[in-house]
C-alpha atoms as a PDB file:
ATOM      1  CA  MET A   1     -13.793 -63.502  27.208  1.00  0.00           C
ATOM      2  CA  VAL A   2     -14.413 -59.912  28.347  1.00  0.00           C
ATOM      3  CA  ILE A   3     -17.652 -57.952  27.945  1.00  0.00           C
ATOM      4  CA  ILE A   4     -17.822 -54.164  27.710  1.00  0.00           C
ATOM      5  CA  GLU A   5     -21.374 -52.952  28.360  1.00  0.00           C
ATOM      6  CA  VAL A   6     -21.896 -49.346  27.232  1.00  0.00           C
ATOM      7  CA  SER A   7     -25.185 -47.757  28.285  1.00  0.00           C
ATOM      8  CA  LEU A   8     -26.055 -45.133  25.700  1.00  0.00           C
ATOM      9  CA  LEU A   9     -26.795 -41.550  26.624  1.00  0.00           C
ATOM     10  CA  SER A  10     -30.513 -40.739  26.477  1.00  0.00           C
ATOM     11  CA  GLY A  11     -31.515 -39.749  22.953  1.00  0.00           C
ATOM     12  CA  PHE A  12     -28.374 -41.210  21.321  1.00  0.00           C
ATOM     13  CA  VAL A  13     -27.672 -44.222  19.076  1.00  0.00           C
ATOM     14  CA  MET A  14     -24.374 -45.739  17.953  1.00  0.00           C
ATOM     15  CA  THR A  15     -23.552 -44.962  14.313  1.00  0.00           C
ATOM     16  CA  SER A  16     -23.126 -47.763  11.779  1.00  0.00           C
ATOM     17  CA  ARG A  17     -19.643 -46.393  11.003  1.00  0.00           C
ATOM     18  CA  SER A  18     -18.672 -46.866  14.629  1.00  0.00           C
ATOM     19  CA  ARG A  19     -19.947 -50.448  14.602  1.00  0.00           C
ATOM     20  CA  THR A  20     -17.967 -51.232  11.446  1.00  0.00           C
ATOM     21  CA  LEU A  21     -14.767 -49.812  12.933  1.00  0.00           C
ATOM     22  CA  LEU A  22     -15.221 -51.911  16.080  1.00  0.00           C
ATOM     23  CA  GLU A  23     -16.020 -55.091  14.131  1.00  0.00           C
ATOM     24  CA  ASN A  24     -12.797 -54.691  12.117  1.00  0.00           C
ATOM     25  CA  ARG A  25     -10.643 -54.928  15.239  1.00  0.00           C
ATOM     26  CA  THR A  26      -9.161 -58.392  15.717  1.00  0.00           C
ATOM     27  CA  ILE A  27      -9.729 -58.343  19.484  1.00  0.00           C
ATOM     28  CA  VAL A  28     -13.522 -57.831  19.037  1.00  0.00           C
ATOM     29  CA  LYS A  29     -15.371 -61.134  18.790  1.00  0.00           C
ATOM     30  CA  LYS A  30     -18.980 -59.891  18.624  1.00  0.00           C
ATOM     31  CA  ILE A  31     -21.103 -56.748  19.032  1.00  0.00           C
ATOM     32  CA  GLU A  32     -24.734 -56.640  20.170  1.00  0.00           C
ATOM     33  CA  VAL A  33     -26.678 -53.397  19.858  1.00  0.00           C
ATOM     34  CA  LYS A  34     -29.861 -53.101  21.915  1.00  0.00           C
ATOM     35  CA  VAL A  35     -32.157 -50.093  22.319  1.00  0.00           C
ATOM     36  CA  ASN A  36     -30.158 -48.345  25.070  1.00  0.00           C
ATOM     37  CA  VAL A  37     -26.987 -50.418  25.375  1.00  0.00           C
ATOM     38  CA  VAL A  38     -24.105 -51.779  23.307  1.00  0.00           C
ATOM     39  CA  TYR A  39     -22.336 -55.013  24.287  1.00  0.00           C
ATOM     40  CA  ILE A  40     -18.803 -55.505  22.967  1.00  0.00           C
ATOM     41  CA  TYR A  41     -17.416 -59.031  23.405  1.00  0.00           C
ATOM     42  CA  LEU A  42     -13.620 -59.297  23.388  1.00  0.00           C
ATOM     43  CA  GLU A  43     -11.536 -62.447  22.945  1.00  0.00           C
ATOM     44  CA  LYS A  44      -9.289 -61.516  25.855  1.00  0.00           C
ATOM     45  CA  LEU A  45      -7.317 -58.640  27.320  1.00  0.00           C
ATOM     46  CA  ASN A  46      -3.642 -58.502  28.130  1.00  0.00           C
ATOM     47  CA  ASP A  47      -1.351 -55.858  29.614  1.00  0.00           C
ATOM     48  CA  GLU A  48      -1.458 -53.831  26.405  1.00  0.00           C
ATOM     49  CA  SER A  49      -3.593 -50.678  26.596  1.00  0.00           C
ATOM     50  CA  GLN A  50      -6.728 -50.699  24.403  1.00  0.00           C
ATOM     51  CA  THR A  51      -8.855 -47.747  23.326  1.00  0.00           C
ATOM     52  CA  PHE A  52     -12.392 -48.117  22.002  1.00  0.00           C
ATOM     53  CA  ILE A  53     -14.159 -45.164  20.403  1.00  0.00           C
ATOM     54  CA  LEU A  54     -17.914 -45.247  19.954  1.00  0.00           C
ATOM     55  CA  GLU A  55     -19.360 -42.594  17.707  1.00  0.00           C
ATOM     56  CA  LEU A  56     -22.845 -41.664  18.871  1.00  0.00           C
ATOM     57  CA  GLU A  57     -25.497 -39.736  16.998  1.00  0.00           C
ATOM     58  CA  GLN A  58     -28.143 -37.692  18.773  1.00  0.00           C
ATOM     59  CA  VAL A  59     -31.591 -38.615  17.447  1.00  0.00           C
ATOM     60  CA  ILE A  60     -33.713 -36.993  20.172  1.00  0.00           C
ATOM     61  CA  GLN A  61     -32.974 -33.748  22.004  1.00  0.00           C
ATOM     62  CA  VAL A  62     -32.813 -34.412  25.764  1.00  0.00           C
ATOM     63  CA  LYS A  63     -32.480 -31.701  28.419  1.00  0.00           C
ATOM     64  CA  ASN A  64     -30.411 -32.233  31.586  1.00  0.00           C
ATOM     65  CA  LEU A  65     -28.541 -35.159  30.043  1.00  0.00           C
ATOM     66  CA  LYS A  66     -27.237 -37.507  32.744  1.00  0.00           C
ATOM     67  CA  PRO A  67     -23.995 -39.510  32.496  1.00  0.00           C
ATOM     68  CA  ALA A  68     -24.238 -43.100  31.267  1.00  0.00           C
ATOM     69  CA  SER A  69     -22.317 -46.101  32.568  1.00  0.00           C
ATOM     70  CA  ILE A  70     -19.676 -48.372  31.107  1.00  0.00           C
ATOM     71  CA  LYS A  71     -19.244 -51.789  32.707  1.00  0.00           C
ATOM     72  CA  ILE A  72     -16.370 -54.180  32.034  1.00  0.00           C
ATOM     73  CA  CYS A  73     -16.420 -57.748  33.291  1.00  0.00           C
ATOM     74  CA  ASP A  74     -14.971 -61.176  32.683  1.00  0.00           C
ATOM     75  CA  TYR A  75     -17.652 -63.292  31.012  1.00  0.00           C
ATOM     76  CA  TYR A  76     -16.745 -66.317  33.138  1.00  0.00           C
ATOM     77  CA  GLN A  77     -16.304 -64.394  36.435  1.00  0.00           C
ATOM     78  CA  PRO A  78     -18.826 -61.521  36.353  1.00  0.00           C
ATOM     79  CA  GLY A  79     -18.163 -60.628  40.006  1.00  0.00           C
ATOM     80  CA  GLY A  80     -14.983 -58.710  39.105  1.00  0.00           C
ATOM     81  CA  LEU A  81     -16.880 -55.788  37.608  1.00  0.00           C
ATOM     82  CA  GLN A  82     -15.327 -52.406  36.746  1.00  0.00           C
ATOM     83  CA  ILE A  83     -17.765 -49.501  36.380  1.00  0.00           C
ATOM     84  CA  SER A  84     -17.140 -46.045  34.968  1.00  0.00           C
ATOM     85  CA  SER A  85     -19.310 -43.320  33.469  1.00  0.00           C
ATOM     86  CA  TYR A  86     -19.190 -40.846  30.606  1.00  0.00           C
ATOM     87  CA  SER A  87     -21.147 -37.829  29.462  1.00  0.00           C
ATOM     88  CA  GLY A  88     -21.731 -36.091  26.149  1.00  0.00           C
ATOM     89  CA  VAL A  89     -18.783 -34.200  24.707  1.00  0.00           C
ATOM     90  CA  GLY A  90     -18.535 -31.878  21.687  1.00  0.00           C
ATOM     91  CA  SER A  91     -19.757 -32.730  18.236  1.00  0.00           C
END
């Protein structure tokens, strides 16, 4: 099992539409939404490229918005962690 941990940008929440689209993908086993983070549990990954789009909605205006992190790890071997970051883009 693979876990994608998406820290949300300050002042943003994931939309319910985005959650529904993710839940309808066969590779997605479970989604947990916390206050500032979304956990996406995947059955497994293979060599095929996968794209996940999270639609975020700004609920609080934040100045000097800092990038947020995305972490990907194997549930059973969390030491092999991949970390990236993202920042707000367009509307």
